[in-house]
Amino acid sequence: ALAEPGDAVWCEEPGYPAGRGAFHAAALRPVPVPVDGEGIDVAAGARRAPHARIAFVSPAQQYPLGGSMSLGRRLALLDWAERADAWILEDDYAGDYRYAGRPLAPLYTLDRGERVLFLGTFSKVLAPGLRLGYLIVPPAVAARFAAFKAAADRQPPGLTQHALARFITEGRLSAHLRRMRVLYAARREALIAALTREAAGLLDPGDAPEAGLHLTARLLVDVDDDAASRRALARRVHAPPLSAYYAGAKRMSGFVLGFAGTPEAQMPRAVRNLAAAIEAARL
């Protein structure tokens, strides 16, 4: 809707592999832009691809490293988009699950130049099986997106949307989020405690993530994280390798560990199995 084949797209490095895949499928050119503790490095992006058409970012919780984009970076990114006549695709995949203070205001609320497209989903808020996402776009391009949607999918799931709309308007979604934040916060703490006890010297869980449903644990030993991940899966532990989230050759090793679906009592055994897989990969 907004770009032509061959246009460059800033993608966070490391970042969401399926996002890069979607841009490749649309004949666009993903350009990896490094991420630090404040979010995407806007200056580096401007050097690498000054005429990029889109910047794909996850400000509320960077995926997969987990930090939140600073206000300074947010303003710099918005300023770049206005000057470059570019668009920002804001992926708010888990912004509702924030454990410290109130949820951060989305980037698009700061957008005076109407350059931000806000992408959300109910897959993590409620259930992946709903297959319901949404896109908030500036009014000037809304008709263009509606036309693309109609051409791509003429029969969206109306019944599911009506049920979800009622769930929201009756206040049930807000109540659900409050309950799940408490549950997921407890599971987050259980995972960190298990990593500290069961994987000491092997993995560094870092600081507790302020939002989202996963944490990134970095390897402290020289092990191929992809090989260790495969060994962990054989032990019924899903621990995607951190290196798989990079597009470039320079990569950190570790694992992206989801905690939402694992009860607290099962965390120690799961981490022991992961630690055993890491040790086996060292041999």
C-alpha atoms as a PDB file:
ATOM      1  CA  ALA A   1       0.000   0.000   0.000  1.00  0.00           C
ATOM      2  CA  LEU A   2       2.839   2.419   0.765  1.00  0.00           C
ATOM      3  CA  ALA A   3       5.977   1.058  -0.881  1.00  0.00           C
ATOM      4  CA  GLU A   4       7.244  -0.109  -4.246  1.00  0.00           C
ATOM      5  CA  PRO A   5       9.260  -3.277  -4.975  1.00  0.00           C
ATOM      6  CA  GLY A   6      12.896  -2.726  -4.053  1.00  0.00           C
ATOM      7  CA  ASP A   7      12.204  -0.039  -1.425  1.00  0.00           C
ATOM      8  CA  ALA A   8      14.271  -0.325   1.752  1.00  0.00           C
ATOM      9  CA  VAL A   9      12.710  -1.123   5.136  1.00  0.00           C
ATOM     10  CA  TRP A  10      14.505  -0.568   8.431  1.00  0.00           C
ATOM     11  CA  CYS A  11      14.258  -3.711  10.566  1.00  0.00           C
ATOM     12  CA  GLU A  12      15.501  -3.996  14.133  1.00  0.00           C
ATOM     13  CA  GLU A  13      18.691  -6.062  14.551  1.00  0.00           C
ATOM     14  CA  PRO A  14      18.020  -8.448  16.194  1.00  0.00           C
ATOM     15  CA  GLY A  15      14.355  -8.470  15.277  1.00  0.00           C
ATOM     16  CA  TYR A  16      11.255 -10.423  14.347  1.00  0.00           C
ATOM     17  CA  PRO A  17      12.176 -12.956  11.626  1.00  0.00           C
ATOM     18  CA  ALA A  18       8.612 -13.306  10.325  1.00  0.00           C
ATOM     19  CA  GLY A  19       8.498  -9.532   9.843  1.00  0.00           C
ATOM     20  CA  ARG A  20      11.579  -9.652   7.658  1.00  0.00           C
ATOM     21  CA  GLY A  21      10.000 -12.547   5.791  1.00  0.00           C
ATOM     22  CA  ALA A  22       6.852 -10.535   5.107  1.00  0.00           C
ATOM     23  CA  PHE A  23       8.889  -7.696   3.621  1.00  0.00           C
ATOM     24  CA  HIS A  24      10.854 -10.122   1.459  1.00  0.00           C
ATOM     25  CA  ALA A  25       7.567 -11.608   0.247  1.00  0.00           C
ATOM     26  CA  ALA A  26       6.411  -8.105  -0.721  1.00  0.00           C
ATOM     27  CA  ALA A  27       9.608  -7.622  -2.790  1.00  0.00           C
ATOM     28  CA  LEU A  28      10.919  -5.020  -0.336  1.00  0.00           C
ATOM     29  CA  ARG A  29      14.503  -4.838   0.956  1.00  0.00           C
ATOM     30  CA  PRO A  30      14.930  -5.288   4.729  1.00  0.00           C
ATOM     31  CA  VAL A  31      17.909  -3.355   6.100  1.00  0.00           C
ATOM     32  CA  PRO A  32      19.098  -4.460   9.571  1.00  0.00           C
ATOM     33  CA  VAL A  33      19.508  -1.516  11.961  1.00  0.00           C
ATOM     34  CA  PRO A  34      21.183  -2.173  15.335  1.00  0.00           C
ATOM     35  CA  VAL A  35      19.287  -1.931  18.605  1.00  0.00           C
ATOM     36  CA  ASP A  36      20.685  -0.833  21.958  1.00  0.00           C
ATOM     37  CA  GLY A  37      19.199  -0.148  25.390  1.00  0.00           C
ATOM     38  CA  GLU A  38      17.183   2.803  24.038  1.00  0.00           C
ATOM     39  CA  GLY A  39      15.731   1.011  21.029  1.00  0.00           C
ATOM     40  CA  ILE A  40      16.513   1.246  17.341  1.00  0.00           C
ATOM     41  CA  ASP A  41      19.563   3.385  16.481  1.00  0.00           C
ATOM     42  CA  VAL A  42      17.970   6.055  14.264  1.00  0.00           C
ATOM     43  CA  ALA A  43      21.304   7.610  13.302  1.00  0.00           C
ATOM     44  CA  ALA A  44      22.629   4.220  12.160  1.00  0.00           C
ATOM     45  CA  GLY A  45      19.467   3.633  10.145  1.00  0.00           C
ATOM     46  CA  ALA A  46      19.824   7.008   8.438  1.00  0.00           C
ATOM     47  CA  ARG A  47      23.391   6.105   7.477  1.00  0.00           C
ATOM     48  CA  ARG A  48      22.560   2.628   6.214  1.00  0.00           C
ATOM     49  CA  ALA A  49      19.378   3.446   4.314  1.00  0.00           C
ATOM     50  CA  PRO A  50      18.614   7.198   4.326  1.00  0.00           C
ATOM     51  CA  HIS A  51      15.827   6.793   1.764  1.00  0.00           C
ATOM     52  CA  ALA A  52      14.070   3.838   3.407  1.00  0.00           C
ATOM     53  CA  ARG A  53      10.319   3.838   2.933  1.00  0.00           C
ATOM     54  CA  ILE A  54       9.337   2.115   6.190  1.00  0.00           C
ATOM     55  CA  ALA A  55      10.803   1.580   9.667  1.00  0.00           C
ATOM     56  CA  PHE A  56       9.504  -1.564  11.392  1.00  0.00           C
ATOM     57  CA  VAL A  57       9.886  -1.220  15.188  1.00  0.00           C
ATOM     58  CA  SER A  58       8.582  -2.640  18.485  1.00  0.00           C
ATOM     59  CA  PRO A  59       8.821   0.330  20.908  1.00  0.00           C
ATOM     60  CA  ALA A  60       6.860  -1.042  23.891  1.00  0.00           C
ATOM     61  CA  GLN A  61       9.032  -4.143  24.200  1.00  0.00           C
ATOM     62  CA  GLN A  62      11.753  -4.687  21.634  1.00  0.00           C
ATOM     63  CA  TYR A  63      11.531  -8.151  20.163  1.00  0.00           C
ATOM     64  CA  PRO A  64      13.445 -10.192  21.187  1.00  0.00           C
ATOM     65  CA  LEU A  65      15.804  -8.268  23.538  1.00  0.00           C
ATOM     66  CA  GLY A  66      12.993  -6.766  25.579  1.00  0.00           C
ATOM     67  CA  GLY A  67      13.893  -3.108  26.169  1.00  0.00           C
ATOM     68  CA  SER A  68      11.544  -0.147  25.702  1.00  0.00           C
ATOM     69  CA  MET A  69      12.318   2.658  23.260  1.00  0.00           C
ATOM     70  CA  SER A  70      13.349   5.870  25.011  1.00  0.00           C
ATOM     71  CA  LEU A  71      11.462   9.121  24.477  1.00  0.00           C
ATOM     72  CA  GLY A  72      14.495  10.615  22.752  1.00  0.00           C
ATOM     73  CA  ARG A  73      14.638   7.768  20.227  1.00  0.00           C
ATOM     74  CA  ARG A  74      10.888   7.955  19.651  1.00  0.00           C
ATOM     75  CA  LEU A  75      11.092  11.655  18.818  1.00  0.00           C
ATOM     76  CA  ALA A  76      14.163  11.100  16.626  1.00  0.00           C
ATOM     77  CA  LEU A  77      12.379   8.342  14.712  1.00  0.00           C
ATOM     78  CA  LEU A  78       9.299  10.494  14.159  1.00  0.00           C
ATOM     79  CA  ASP A  79      11.486  13.376  13.009  1.00  0.00           C
ATOM     80  CA  TRP A  80      13.292  11.104  10.526  1.00  0.00           C
ATOM     81  CA  ALA A  81      10.000   9.802   9.120  1.00  0.00           C
ATOM     82  CA  GLU A  82       8.690  13.304   8.500  1.00  0.00           C
ATOM     83  CA  ARG A  83      11.915  14.497   6.882  1.00  0.00           C
ATOM     84  CA  ALA A  84      12.318  11.362   4.749  1.00  0.00           C
ATOM     85  CA  ASP A  85       8.618  11.129   3.808  1.00  0.00           C
ATOM     86  CA  ALA A  86       8.727   7.622   5.274  1.00  0.00           C
ATOM     87  CA  TRP A  87       6.377   5.503   7.396  1.00  0.00           C
ATOM     88  CA  ILE A  88       6.783   3.852  10.791  1.00  0.00           C
ATOM     89  CA  LEU A  89       5.161   0.471  11.360  1.00  0.00           C
ATOM     90  CA  GLU A  90       4.757   0.182  15.145  1.00  0.00           C
ATOM     91  CA  ASP A  91       4.361  -3.450  16.251  1.00  0.00           C
ATOM     92  CA  ASP A  92       2.668  -3.425  19.660  1.00  0.00           C
ATOM     93  CA  TYR A  93       2.522  -7.195  20.034  1.00  0.00           C
ATOM     94  CA  ALA A  94       2.497  -7.276  23.870  1.00  0.00           C
ATOM     95  CA  GLY A  95       2.181  -3.714  25.140  1.00  0.00           C
ATOM     96  CA  ASP A  96      -0.845  -4.579  27.293  1.00  0.00           C
ATOM     97  CA  TYR A  97       1.273  -6.899  29.421  1.00  0.00           C
ATOM     98  CA  ARG A  98       3.401  -4.443  31.339  1.00  0.00           C
ATOM     99  CA  TYR A  99       4.430  -5.260  34.909  1.00  0.00           C
ATOM    100  CA  ALA A 100       6.008  -1.990  36.079  1.00  0.00           C
ATOM    101  CA  GLY A 101       3.692   1.031  36.132  1.00  0.00           C
ATOM    102  CA  ARG A 102       1.108   1.834  33.505  1.00  0.00           C
ATOM    103  CA  PRO A 103       1.382   0.663  29.883  1.00  0.00           C
ATOM    104  CA  LEU A 104       3.531   3.027  27.808  1.00  0.00           C
ATOM    105  CA  ALA A 105       1.729   5.361  25.426  1.00  0.00           C
ATOM    106  CA  PRO A 106       2.086   4.051  21.865  1.00  0.00           C
ATOM    107  CA  LEU A 107       4.439   5.834  19.512  1.00  0.00           C
ATOM    108  CA  TYR A 108       1.529   6.847  17.310  1.00  0.00           C
ATOM    109  CA  THR A 109       0.115   9.058  20.104  1.00  0.00           C
ATOM    110  CA  LEU A 110       3.176  11.323  19.620  1.00  0.00           C
ATOM    111  CA  ASP A 111       2.759  11.359  15.839  1.00  0.00           C
ATOM    112  CA  ARG A 112       1.795  14.864  14.708  1.00  0.00           C
ATOM    113  CA  GLY A 113       2.894  14.252  11.131  1.00  0.00           C
ATOM    114  CA  GLU A 114       0.657  11.183  10.708  1.00  0.00           C
ATOM    115  CA  ARG A 115       3.503   8.873   9.703  1.00  0.00           C
ATOM    116  CA  VAL A 116       2.805   5.965  12.111  1.00  0.00           C
ATOM    117  CA  LEU A 117       0.837   2.778  11.430  1.00  0.00           C
ATOM    118  CA  PHE A 118      -0.055   1.013  14.678  1.00  0.00           C
ATOM    119  CA  LEU A 119      -0.123  -2.791  14.423  1.00  0.00           C
ATOM    120  CA  GLY A 120      -1.766  -4.822  17.186  1.00  0.00           C
ATOM    121  CA  THR A 121      -2.991  -8.341  17.776  1.00  0.00           C
ATOM    122  CA  PHE A 122      -5.251 -10.321  20.074  1.00  0.00           C
ATOM    123  CA  SER A 123      -3.103 -13.438  19.611  1.00  0.00           C
ATOM    124  CA  LYS A 124      -1.046 -12.721  22.751  1.00  0.00           C
ATOM    125  CA  VAL A 125      -3.684 -10.775  24.681  1.00  0.00           C
ATOM    126  CA  LEU A 126      -6.264 -13.589  24.407  1.00  0.00           C
ATOM    127  CA  ALA A 127      -5.425 -16.594  22.218  1.00  0.00           C
ATOM    128  CA  PRO A 128      -3.501 -17.290  18.991  1.00  0.00           C
ATOM    129  CA  GLY A 129      -6.464 -19.265  17.640  1.00  0.00           C
ATOM    130  CA  LEU A 130      -8.555 -16.095  17.308  1.00  0.00           C
ATOM    131  CA  ARG A 131      -6.381 -14.985  14.361  1.00  0.00           C
ATOM    132  CA  LEU A 132      -7.462 -11.374  14.877  1.00  0.00           C
ATOM    133  CA  GLY A 133      -5.137  -8.436  14.428  1.00  0.00           C
ATOM    134  CA  TYR A 134      -5.690  -4.780  13.603  1.00  0.00           C
ATOM    135  CA  LEU A 135      -3.957  -1.840  11.995  1.00  0.00           C
ATOM    136  CA  ILE A 136      -4.591   1.817  12.878  1.00  0.00           C
ATOM    137  CA  VAL A 137      -3.551   4.034   9.977  1.00  0.00           C
ATOM    138  CA  PRO A 138      -3.579   7.797   9.337  1.00  0.00           C
ATOM    139  CA  PRO A 139      -6.850   8.977   7.762  1.00  0.00           C
ATOM    140  CA  ALA A 140      -5.098  10.040   4.561  1.00  0.00           C
ATOM    141  CA  VAL A 141      -4.244   6.422   3.681  1.00  0.00           C
ATOM    142  CA  ALA A 142      -7.204   4.598   5.272  1.00  0.00           C
ATOM    143  CA  ALA A 143      -9.076   4.147   1.962  1.00  0.00           C
ATOM    144  CA  ARG A 144      -5.952   2.721   0.344  1.00  0.00           C
ATOM    145  CA  PHE A 145      -5.584   0.106   3.082  1.00  0.00           C
ATOM    146  CA  ALA A 146      -9.281  -0.736   2.970  1.00  0.00           C
ATOM    147  CA  ALA A 147      -8.992  -1.431  -0.751  1.00  0.00           C
ATOM    148  CA  PHE A 148      -5.974  -3.692  -0.210  1.00  0.00           C
ATOM    149  CA  LYS A 149      -7.792  -5.545   2.568  1.00  0.00           C
ATOM    150  CA  ALA A 150     -10.856  -6.074   0.402  1.00  0.00           C
ATOM    151  CA  ALA A 151      -8.729  -7.465  -2.419  1.00  0.00           C
ATOM    152  CA  ALA A 152      -6.757  -9.784  -0.142  1.00  0.00           C
ATOM    153  CA  ASP A 153      -9.548 -11.043   2.142  1.00  0.00           C
ATOM    154  CA  ARG A 154     -13.176 -10.466   1.196  1.00  0.00           C
ATOM    155  CA  GLN A 155     -14.665 -12.504   4.066  1.00  0.00           C
ATOM    156  CA  PRO A 156     -13.122 -11.529   7.413  1.00  0.00           C
ATOM    157  CA  PRO A 157     -14.442 -13.435  10.484  1.00  0.00           C
ATOM    158  CA  GLY A 158     -17.412 -11.236  11.344  1.00  0.00           C
ATOM    159  CA  LEU A 159     -18.878 -13.486  14.035  1.00  0.00           C
ATOM    160  CA  THR A 160     -15.583 -13.636  15.934  1.00  0.00           C
ATOM    161  CA  GLN A 161     -15.167  -9.878  15.691  1.00  0.00           C
ATOM    162  CA  HIS A 162     -18.681  -9.231  17.046  1.00  0.00           C
ATOM    163  CA  ALA A 163     -18.057 -11.576  19.978  1.00  0.00           C
ATOM    164  CA  LEU A 164     -14.736  -9.905  20.728  1.00  0.00           C
ATOM    165  CA  ALA A 165     -16.268  -6.425  20.466  1.00  0.00           C
ATOM    166  CA  ARG A 166     -18.893  -7.396  23.053  1.00  0.00           C
ATOM    167  CA  PHE A 167     -16.174  -8.919  25.269  1.00  0.00           C
ATOM    168  CA  ILE A 168     -14.358  -5.569  25.168  1.00  0.00           C
ATOM    169  CA  THR A 169     -17.345  -3.250  25.642  1.00  0.00           C
ATOM    170  CA  GLU A 170     -18.583  -5.239  28.647  1.00  0.00           C
ATOM    171  CA  GLY A 171     -15.236  -4.661  30.378  1.00  0.00           C
ATOM    172  CA  ARG A 172     -14.234  -8.317  30.276  1.00  0.00           C
ATOM    173  CA  LEU A 173     -11.005  -7.714  28.369  1.00  0.00           C
ATOM    174  CA  SER A 174      -9.773  -5.219  30.969  1.00  0.00           C
ATOM    175  CA  ALA A 175     -10.578  -7.681  33.771  1.00  0.00           C
ATOM    176  CA  HIS A 176      -8.829 -10.477  31.875  1.00  0.00           C
ATOM    177  CA  LEU A 177      -5.699  -8.350  31.416  1.00  0.00           C
ATOM    178  CA  ARG A 178      -5.582  -7.517  35.130  1.00  0.00           C
ATOM    179  CA  ARG A 179      -5.782 -11.200  36.080  1.00  0.00           C
ATOM    180  CA  MET A 180      -3.226 -12.322  33.527  1.00  0.00           C
ATOM    181  CA  ARG A 181      -0.701  -9.636  34.450  1.00  0.00           C
ATOM    182  CA  VAL A 182      -0.623 -11.066  37.980  1.00  0.00           C
ATOM    183  CA  LEU A 183      -0.303 -14.638  36.686  1.00  0.00           C
ATOM    184  CA  TYR A 184       2.373 -13.836  34.112  1.00  0.00           C
ATOM    185  CA  ALA A 185       4.373 -11.709  36.540  1.00  0.00           C
ATOM    186  CA  ALA A 186       4.533 -14.680  38.911  1.00  0.00           C
ATOM    187  CA  ARG A 187       5.651 -16.971  36.079  1.00  0.00           C
ATOM    188  CA  ARG A 188       8.257 -14.436  35.006  1.00  0.00           C
ATOM    189  CA  GLU A 189       9.710 -14.380  38.527  1.00  0.00           C
ATOM    190  CA  ALA A 190       9.624 -18.188  38.696  1.00  0.00           C
ATOM    191  CA  LEU A 191      11.601 -18.443  35.453  1.00  0.00           C
ATOM    192  CA  ILE A 192      14.219 -15.940  36.616  1.00  0.00           C
ATOM    193  CA  ALA A 193      14.586 -17.755  39.945  1.00  0.00           C
ATOM    194  CA  ALA A 194      14.933 -21.113  38.170  1.00  0.00           C
ATOM    195  CA  LEU A 195      17.559 -19.742  35.775  1.00  0.00           C
ATOM    196  CA  THR A 196      19.508 -18.300  38.710  1.00  0.00           C
ATOM    197  CA  ARG A 197      19.484 -21.635  40.569  1.00  0.00           C
ATOM    198  CA  GLU A 198      19.527 -24.265  37.838  1.00  0.00           C
ATOM    199  CA  ALA A 199      21.576 -22.579  35.092  1.00  0.00           C
ATOM    200  CA  ALA A 200      24.134 -20.588  37.078  1.00  0.00           C
ATOM    201  CA  GLY A 201      27.297 -20.152  35.046  1.00  0.00           C
ATOM    202  CA  LEU A 202      25.507 -21.158  31.838  1.00  0.00           C
ATOM    203  CA  LEU A 203      22.880 -18.461  31.271  1.00  0.00           C
ATOM    204  CA  ASP A 204      22.443 -14.810  32.224  1.00  0.00           C
ATOM    205  CA  PRO A 205      18.743 -13.910  32.473  1.00  0.00           C
ATOM    206  CA  GLY A 206      19.528 -10.210  32.806  1.00  0.00           C
ATOM    207  CA  ASP A 207      17.036  -7.851  34.385  1.00  0.00           C
ATOM    208  CA  ALA A 208      13.407  -8.861  34.660  1.00  0.00           C
ATOM    209  CA  PRO A 209      11.569  -7.682  31.539  1.00  0.00           C
ATOM    210  CA  GLU A 210       9.168  -4.828  32.243  1.00  0.00           C
ATOM    211  CA  ALA A 211       6.659  -6.083  29.676  1.00  0.00           C
ATOM    212  CA  GLY A 212       5.800  -8.956  27.372  1.00  0.00           C
ATOM    213  CA  LEU A 213       5.654 -12.724  27.710  1.00  0.00           C
ATOM    214  CA  HIS A 214       9.300 -13.720  27.270  1.00  0.00           C
ATOM    215  CA  LEU A 215      12.813 -12.950  28.422  1.00  0.00           C
ATOM    216  CA  THR A 216      16.151 -13.301  26.665  1.00  0.00           C
ATOM    217  CA  ALA A 217      18.817 -15.345  28.448  1.00  0.00           C
ATOM    218  CA  ARG A 218      22.346 -14.922  27.091  1.00  0.00           C
ATOM    219  CA  LEU A 219      24.812 -17.807  27.031  1.00  0.00           C
ATOM    220  CA  LEU A 220      27.825 -17.486  29.321  1.00  0.00           C
ATOM    221  CA  VAL A 221      29.637 -20.435  27.717  1.00  0.00           C
ATOM    222  CA  ASP A 222      30.892 -21.061  24.200  1.00  0.00           C
ATOM    223  CA  VAL A 223      28.048 -23.154  22.777  1.00  0.00           C
ATOM    224  CA  ASP A 224      26.177 -23.140  19.476  1.00  0.00           C
ATOM    225  CA  ASP A 225      22.754 -21.933  20.645  1.00  0.00           C
ATOM    226  CA  ASP A 226      21.029 -23.473  17.636  1.00  0.00           C
ATOM    227  CA  ALA A 227      22.461 -26.917  18.427  1.00  0.00           C
ATOM    228  CA  ALA A 228      21.555 -26.520  22.114  1.00  0.00           C
ATOM    229  CA  SER A 229      18.039 -25.420  21.137  1.00  0.00           C
ATOM    230  CA  ARG A 230      17.531 -28.606  19.108  1.00  0.00           C
ATOM    231  CA  ARG A 231      18.752 -30.726  22.016  1.00  0.00           C
ATOM    232  CA  ALA A 232      16.397 -28.863  24.365  1.00  0.00           C
ATOM    233  CA  LEU A 233      13.447 -29.500  22.062  1.00  0.00           C
ATOM    234  CA  ALA A 234      14.213 -33.211  22.219  1.00  0.00           C
ATOM    235  CA  ARG A 235      13.780 -32.814  26.001  1.00  0.00           C
ATOM    236  CA  ARG A 236      10.393 -31.112  25.447  1.00  0.00           C
ATOM    237  CA  VAL A 237      11.700 -27.587  26.124  1.00  0.00           C
ATOM    238  CA  HIS A 238      11.069 -24.939  23.471  1.00  0.00           C
ATOM    239  CA  ALA A 239      13.983 -22.478  23.666  1.00  0.00           C
ATOM    240  CA  PRO A 240      14.454 -20.660  20.333  1.00  0.00           C
ATOM    241  CA  PRO A 241      18.072 -19.615  19.719  1.00  0.00           C
ATOM    242  CA  LEU A 242      18.750 -15.893  19.989  1.00  0.00           C
ATOM    243  CA  SER A 243      21.119 -16.041  17.022  1.00  0.00           C
ATOM    244  CA  ALA A 244      18.169 -16.867  14.737  1.00  0.00           C
ATOM    245  CA  TYR A 245      16.757 -13.366  15.270  1.00  0.00           C
ATOM    246  CA  TYR A 246      19.719 -11.692  13.550  1.00  0.00           C
ATOM    247  CA  ALA A 247      19.991 -10.967   9.845  1.00  0.00           C
ATOM    248  CA  GLY A 248      23.689 -10.087   9.882  1.00  0.00           C
ATOM    249  CA  ALA A 249      26.768 -12.138  10.709  1.00  0.00           C
ATOM    250  CA  LYS A 250      27.455 -10.474  14.070  1.00  0.00           C
ATOM    251  CA  ARG A 251      25.196 -12.271  16.558  1.00  0.00           C
ATOM    252  CA  MET A 252      24.750 -12.830  20.282  1.00  0.00           C
ATOM    253  CA  SER A 253      24.097 -16.346  21.525  1.00  0.00           C
ATOM    254  CA  GLY A 254      21.344 -17.245  23.940  1.00  0.00           C
ATOM    255  CA  PHE A 255      17.694 -18.196  24.061  1.00  0.00           C
ATOM    256  CA  VAL A 256      14.327 -16.462  23.825  1.00  0.00           C
ATOM    257  CA  LEU A 257      12.324 -18.019  26.648  1.00  0.00           C
ATOM    258  CA  GLY A 258       8.552 -17.646  26.869  1.00  0.00           C
ATOM    259  CA  PHE A 259       7.167 -17.921  30.394  1.00  0.00           C
ATOM    260  CA  ALA A 260       3.434 -17.361  29.915  1.00  0.00           C
ATOM    261  CA  GLY A 261       2.470 -20.968  29.142  1.00  0.00           C
ATOM    262  CA  THR A 262       4.502 -22.731  31.849  1.00  0.00           C
ATOM    263  CA  PRO A 263       3.165 -23.086  35.414  1.00  0.00           C
ATOM    264  CA  GLU A 264       5.548 -21.933  38.123  1.00  0.00           C
ATOM    265  CA  ALA A 265       6.003 -25.427  39.559  1.00  0.00           C
ATOM    266  CA  GLN A 266       7.292 -26.695  36.207  1.00  0.00           C
ATOM    267  CA  MET A 267       9.914 -23.963  35.709  1.00  0.00           C
ATOM    268  CA  PRO A 268      12.795 -25.616  37.615  1.00  0.00           C
ATOM    269  CA  ARG A 269      12.512 -28.895  35.694  1.00  0.00           C
ATOM    270  CA  ALA A 270      12.272 -27.065  32.357  1.00  0.00           C
ATOM    271  CA  VAL A 271      15.386 -25.021  33.133  1.00  0.00           C
ATOM    272  CA  ARG A 272      17.259 -28.137  34.297  1.00  0.00           C
ATOM    273  CA  ASN A 273      16.440 -29.764  30.960  1.00  0.00           C
ATOM    274  CA  LEU A 274      17.662 -26.670  29.115  1.00  0.00           C
ATOM    275  CA  ALA A 275      20.864 -26.639  31.166  1.00  0.00           C
ATOM    276  CA  ALA A 276      21.409 -30.332  30.380  1.00  0.00           C
ATOM    277  CA  ALA A 277      20.935 -29.580  26.676  1.00  0.00           C
ATOM    278  CA  ILE A 278      23.535 -26.802  26.865  1.00  0.00           C
ATOM    279  CA  GLU A 279      26.007 -29.089  28.619  1.00  0.00           C
ATOM    280  CA  ALA A 280      25.412 -31.816  26.034  1.00  0.00           C
ATOM    281  CA  ALA A 281      26.048 -29.311  23.224  1.00  0.00           C
ATOM    282  CA  ARG A 282      29.413 -28.437  24.819  1.00  0.00           C
ATOM    283  CA  LEU A 283      30.700 -32.001  24.452  1.00  0.00           C
END
